[in-house]
């Protein structure tokens, strides 16, 4: 079963999808946010089109592991999304995923404008790959 990864943002949501065996994450184009209801239904449509059985959203914990304002916002969004998609929605610690995505893009000598376009999908891919790897380790 495929897994859809999301990197939550207030303007854009980065997206990634796993392969059928839930081993490898690949980026998808980001979703540009409109308003909550429309966002939820658009993500439900994407999940259906991608045949995703589970959705994973990066939970932006503080470096000390506590939850700040954004983490609480993501938790509320995840609850609303689960009610619409009617599939499991899991949260995964995303600390440093955006920094890791930026590092990869810098090391690849990607120009600033292009980095902005790729960062969200790559961050979602880092989140989803971390989730997939941790799930395999626990099995």
Protein backbone atom coordinates (compact mmCIF):
# COMPACT_ATOMS: atom_id res chain seq x y z
CA UNK A 1 0.00 0.00 0.00
CA UNK A 2 1.32 3.44 -0.92
CA UNK A 3 1.88 6.19 1.64
CA UNK A 4 1.43 9.91 0.94
CA UNK A 5 3.82 12.25 2.78
CA UNK A 6 2.97 15.86 3.58
CA UNK A 7 5.17 18.74 4.69
CA UNK A 8 2.62 21.15 6.16
CA UNK A 9 3.00 24.84 5.49
CA UNK A 10 0.68 27.82 5.73
CA UNK A 11 1.16 28.71 2.04
CA UNK A 12 2.16 25.40 0.46
CA UNK A 13 2.07 21.73 1.37
CA UNK A 14 4.96 19.64 0.14
CA UNK A 15 3.97 16.20 -1.12
CA UNK A 16 5.69 12.89 -1.69
CA UNK A 17 4.52 9.36 -2.42
CA UNK A 18 5.96 5.96 -1.66
CA UNK A 19 6.25 3.07 -4.07
CA UNK A 20 3.77 0.16 -3.83
CA UNK A 21 5.97 -1.66 -1.30
CA UNK A 22 6.25 1.43 0.92
CA UNK A 23 10.05 1.35 0.68
CA UNK A 24 11.03 4.41 -1.34
CA UNK A 25 9.66 7.98 -1.22
CA UNK A 26 9.55 10.24 -4.28
CA UNK A 27 8.57 13.93 -4.44
CA UNK A 28 5.37 15.18 -6.02
CA UNK A 29 4.57 18.77 -7.02
CA UNK A 30 3.63 20.89 -4.00
CA UNK A 31 0.04 21.90 -3.30
CA UNK A 32 -0.59 25.65 -3.06
CA UNK A 33 -3.03 26.30 -0.24
CA UNK A 34 -6.33 28.09 -0.84
CA UNK A 35 -8.49 27.75 2.29
CA UNK A 36 -8.90 24.91 4.77
CA UNK A 37 -11.98 23.11 3.37
CA UNK A 38 -10.71 23.25 -0.20
CA UNK A 39 -7.23 22.15 0.93
CA UNK A 40 -8.64 19.13 2.77
CA UNK A 41 -10.69 17.96 -0.20
CA UNK A 42 -7.83 18.58 -2.65
CA UNK A 43 -5.51 16.46 -0.49
CA UNK A 44 -8.17 13.75 -0.25
CA UNK A 45 -8.36 13.73 -4.05
CA UNK A 46 -4.58 13.50 -4.34
CA UNK A 47 -4.51 10.62 -1.85
CA UNK A 48 -7.17 8.79 -3.87
CA UNK A 49 -5.44 9.45 -7.22
CA UNK A 50 -2.13 8.22 -5.80
CA UNK A 51 -3.77 5.13 -4.24
CA UNK A 52 -2.43 6.09 -0.82
CA UNK A 53 -3.70 3.97 2.06
CA UNK A 54 -2.01 6.08 4.73
CA UNK A 55 -1.00 9.72 4.97
CA UNK A 56 1.97 10.95 7.00
CA UNK A 57 2.34 14.57 8.05
CA UNK A 58 5.57 15.97 9.43
CA UNK A 59 5.16 17.15 13.02
CA UNK A 60 7.42 20.17 13.62
CA UNK A 61 8.53 19.59 17.19
CA UNK A 62 10.93 21.98 18.90
CA UNK A 63 14.51 20.78 19.14
CA UNK A 64 13.88 19.77 22.78
CA UNK A 65 10.92 17.60 21.69
CA UNK A 66 8.20 19.94 22.97
CA UNK A 67 5.26 21.10 20.88
CA UNK A 68 5.04 24.71 19.82
CA UNK A 69 2.32 26.64 18.02
CA UNK A 70 3.05 25.10 14.61
CA UNK A 71 3.01 21.53 15.98
CA UNK A 72 -0.41 22.14 17.54
CA UNK A 73 -1.60 23.61 14.22
CA UNK A 74 -0.37 20.50 12.38
CA UNK A 75 -2.13 18.22 14.88
CA UNK A 76 -5.42 20.07 14.35
CA UNK A 77 -4.94 19.91 10.56
CA UNK A 78 -4.25 16.16 10.77
CA UNK A 79 -7.49 15.57 12.71
CA UNK A 80 -9.49 17.52 10.12
CA UNK A 81 -7.75 15.75 7.24
CA UNK A 82 -8.41 12.30 8.69
CA UNK A 83 -12.12 13.10 8.95
CA UNK A 84 -12.19 13.96 5.23
CA UNK A 85 -9.87 11.30 3.75
CA UNK A 86 -11.22 8.44 5.88
CA UNK A 87 -7.75 6.85 5.91
CA UNK A 88 -5.13 6.70 8.62
CA UNK A 89 -3.24 9.97 9.08
CA UNK A 90 -0.06 9.64 11.10
CA UNK A 91 2.31 12.27 12.45
CA UNK A 92 6.06 11.88 12.16
CA UNK A 93 8.74 13.96 13.85
CA UNK A 94 10.09 16.22 11.12
CA UNK A 95 12.81 18.05 13.03
CA UNK A 96 15.48 19.19 10.58
CA UNK A 97 13.70 17.83 7.47
CA UNK A 98 13.61 21.28 5.83
CA UNK A 99 17.25 21.85 6.74
CA UNK A 100 18.14 18.45 5.26
CA UNK A 101 16.24 19.28 2.06
CA UNK A 102 18.01 22.64 1.80
CA UNK A 103 21.40 20.96 2.38
CA UNK A 104 20.76 18.44 -0.41
CA UNK A 105 19.74 21.20 -2.80
CA UNK A 106 22.78 23.33 -1.91
CA UNK A 107 25.12 20.37 -2.35
CA UNK A 108 23.53 19.78 -5.74
CA UNK A 109 24.34 23.41 -6.66
CA UNK A 110 20.66 24.15 -7.35
CA UNK A 111 20.05 27.85 -7.94
CA UNK A 112 18.04 29.80 -5.35
CA UNK A 113 14.88 30.19 -7.48
CA UNK A 114 14.82 26.48 -8.33
CA UNK A 115 15.52 25.54 -4.68
CA UNK A 116 12.37 27.38 -3.64
CA UNK A 117 10.34 25.29 -6.10
CA UNK A 118 11.87 21.97 -5.02
CA UNK A 119 12.25 22.45 -1.24
CA UNK A 120 8.69 21.53 -0.18
CA UNK A 121 8.54 18.28 -2.14
CA UNK A 122 12.02 17.30 -1.03
CA UNK A 123 11.18 18.05 2.63
CA UNK A 124 8.05 15.88 2.27
CA UNK A 125 10.24 13.16 0.77
CA UNK A 126 12.68 13.36 3.70
CA UNK A 127 9.75 13.08 6.14
CA UNK A 128 8.14 10.18 4.30
CA UNK A 129 11.41 8.28 3.84
CA UNK A 130 12.15 8.66 7.55
CA UNK A 131 8.70 7.32 8.37
CA UNK A 132 9.07 4.37 5.98
CA UNK A 133 12.52 3.51 7.32
CA UNK A 134 11.39 3.68 10.95
CA UNK A 135 8.38 1.50 10.21
CA UNK A 136 10.56 -1.15 8.55
CA UNK A 137 12.96 -1.14 11.51
CA UNK A 138 10.11 -1.72 13.97
CA UNK A 139 8.70 -4.69 12.01
